[in-house]
Protein backbone atom coordinates (compact mmCIF):
# COMPACT_ATOMS: atom_id res chain seq x y z
CA MET A 1 -13.57 52.38 -69.53
CA ASN A 2 -9.76 52.61 -69.67
CA VAL A 3 -7.73 49.60 -70.78
CA LEU A 4 -3.95 48.95 -70.73
CA ALA A 5 -2.97 46.84 -73.93
CA VAL A 6 0.41 45.08 -73.81
CA ASP A 7 1.83 43.52 -76.90
CA ASP A 8 5.20 43.57 -78.59
CA SER A 9 3.64 43.87 -82.15
CA ARG A 10 2.85 47.43 -83.11
CA THR A 11 0.31 46.15 -85.59
CA ILE A 12 -1.66 44.40 -82.87
CA ARG A 13 -1.26 47.35 -80.57
CA ASN A 14 -2.80 49.56 -83.37
CA MET A 15 -5.50 47.02 -84.05
CA VAL A 16 -6.56 46.76 -80.43
CA THR A 17 -6.49 50.59 -79.94
CA LEU A 18 -8.64 51.03 -83.04
CA ALA A 19 -11.12 48.38 -81.85
CA LEU A 20 -11.32 49.99 -78.49
CA THR A 21 -11.53 53.56 -79.69
CA GLN A 22 -14.37 52.59 -82.05
CA ALA A 23 -16.23 51.20 -79.03
CA GLY A 24 -15.69 54.29 -77.03
CA ILE A 25 -12.99 52.83 -74.78
CA THR A 26 -9.78 54.70 -74.07
CA SER A 27 -6.51 52.76 -73.90
CA GLN A 28 -2.87 53.06 -73.20
CA VAL A 29 -0.36 50.76 -74.80
CA ALA A 30 3.01 49.09 -73.81
CA GLU A 31 5.38 47.02 -75.95
CA ASP A 32 6.21 44.36 -73.35
CA GLY A 33 5.76 43.39 -69.67
CA VAL A 34 8.45 45.73 -68.34
CA HIS A 35 7.00 48.67 -70.30
CA GLY A 36 3.53 47.49 -69.15
CA LEU A 37 4.36 47.76 -65.50
CA GLU A 38 5.80 51.30 -66.04
CA VAL A 39 2.58 52.43 -67.81
CA LEU A 40 0.38 50.65 -65.31
CA SER A 41 1.97 52.63 -62.49
CA GLN A 42 0.74 55.81 -64.08
CA MET A 43 -2.82 54.75 -64.74
CA ALA A 44 -5.88 53.10 -63.18
CA PRO A 45 -7.16 50.67 -65.81
CA ASP A 46 -10.42 48.97 -65.68
CA ALA A 47 -8.92 45.97 -67.53
CA ILE A 48 -5.64 44.80 -69.03
CA ILE A 49 -5.09 42.97 -72.29
CA THR A 50 -1.74 41.30 -72.72
CA ASP A 51 0.10 38.97 -75.10
CA ILE A 52 2.06 36.04 -73.88
CA ASN A 53 5.18 35.80 -76.13
CA MET A 54 6.96 39.11 -75.61
CA PRO A 55 10.70 40.13 -75.05
CA ARG A 56 12.13 41.29 -71.82
CA MET A 57 9.11 40.12 -69.76
CA ASP A 58 6.56 37.67 -71.09
CA GLY A 59 2.86 37.74 -70.39
CA PHE A 60 2.87 35.09 -67.64
CA GLU A 61 5.47 37.01 -65.68
CA PHE A 62 3.71 40.28 -66.30
CA ILE A 63 0.43 38.90 -65.03
CA GLN A 64 2.14 37.49 -61.89
CA GLU A 65 3.76 40.88 -61.26
CA VAL A 66 0.42 42.79 -61.66
CA ARG A 67 -1.29 40.34 -59.31
CA LYS A 68 1.42 40.91 -56.56
CA GLN A 69 0.16 44.38 -56.33
CA ASP A 70 -2.80 44.91 -54.06
CA ALA A 71 -4.17 47.81 -56.12
CA TYR A 72 -4.43 45.53 -59.16
CA GLN A 73 -6.00 42.39 -57.58
CA GLY A 74 -9.46 42.90 -59.00
CA ILE A 75 -8.56 44.22 -62.46
CA PRO A 76 -9.55 41.72 -65.22
CA ILE A 77 -6.76 40.59 -67.37
CA LEU A 78 -7.56 39.25 -70.78
CA VAL A 79 -4.75 37.34 -72.64
CA LEU A 80 -4.67 38.05 -76.39
CA THR A 81 -2.23 35.71 -78.06
CA THR A 82 -1.60 33.36 -81.00
CA GLU A 83 -1.23 30.45 -78.51
CA SER A 84 -4.24 28.07 -78.11
CA ALA A 85 -2.74 25.10 -76.17
CA GLN A 86 -4.74 24.16 -73.11
CA ASP A 87 -1.52 23.97 -70.98
CA MET A 88 -0.73 27.63 -71.77
CA LYS A 89 -4.41 28.59 -70.86
CA LEU A 90 -4.09 26.77 -67.52
CA ARG A 91 -0.67 28.55 -66.85
CA ALA A 92 -2.22 31.92 -67.58
CA ARG A 93 -5.15 31.31 -65.32
CA GLN A 94 -2.80 30.08 -62.58
CA ALA A 95 -0.83 33.37 -63.01
CA GLY A 96 -4.05 35.29 -62.57
CA ALA A 97 -5.61 35.86 -66.06
CA THR A 98 -9.35 36.28 -66.33
CA GLY A 99 -9.80 35.19 -69.86
CA TRP A 100 -8.19 34.14 -73.20
CA ILE A 101 -8.64 35.32 -76.84
CA VAL A 102 -6.78 33.80 -79.72
CA LYS A 103 -5.36 35.93 -82.59
CA PRO A 104 -6.36 36.84 -85.02
CA PHE A 105 -9.23 38.42 -83.14
CA ASP A 106 -12.60 39.77 -83.99
CA PRO A 107 -12.79 43.37 -82.69
CA ALA A 108 -16.38 43.01 -81.57
CA LYS A 109 -15.60 39.84 -79.60
CA LEU A 110 -12.71 41.60 -77.88
CA VAL A 111 -14.84 44.54 -76.91
CA GLY A 112 -17.61 42.11 -75.84
CA ALA A 113 -15.13 40.16 -73.68
CA LEU A 114 -13.94 43.39 -72.04
CA ARG A 115 -17.42 44.53 -71.37
CA MET A 116 -18.31 41.08 -69.79
CA VAL A 117 -15.34 40.87 -67.48
CA THR A 118 -15.61 44.53 -66.39
CA GLY A 119 -19.41 44.68 -66.10
CA GLY A 120 -19.45 47.58 -68.47
């Protein structure tokens, strides 16, 4: 499995990468939505993990931009964020998100959620 992880926090990117690597999952990282779209254009991920609150392009806009591209319609997108409000979750689902995980996260639950949404 290959995953794109988008988060403006270097610490979170490192934590996600470590959790995925330990589970045998490869990953690419990006620091915000703009960078995420650039990285996405150079890979074929099985899933995407994205934060919501990021500079330049937030997670909602990033998800919408990903979903506009036919090649990425079926790719699961998990939101990994500190936000827990129901209206934010609804907004993410409307943008095209598949699931929602609140930070701080349990690495095993993150990997489990990825495996569930990808069927792997």
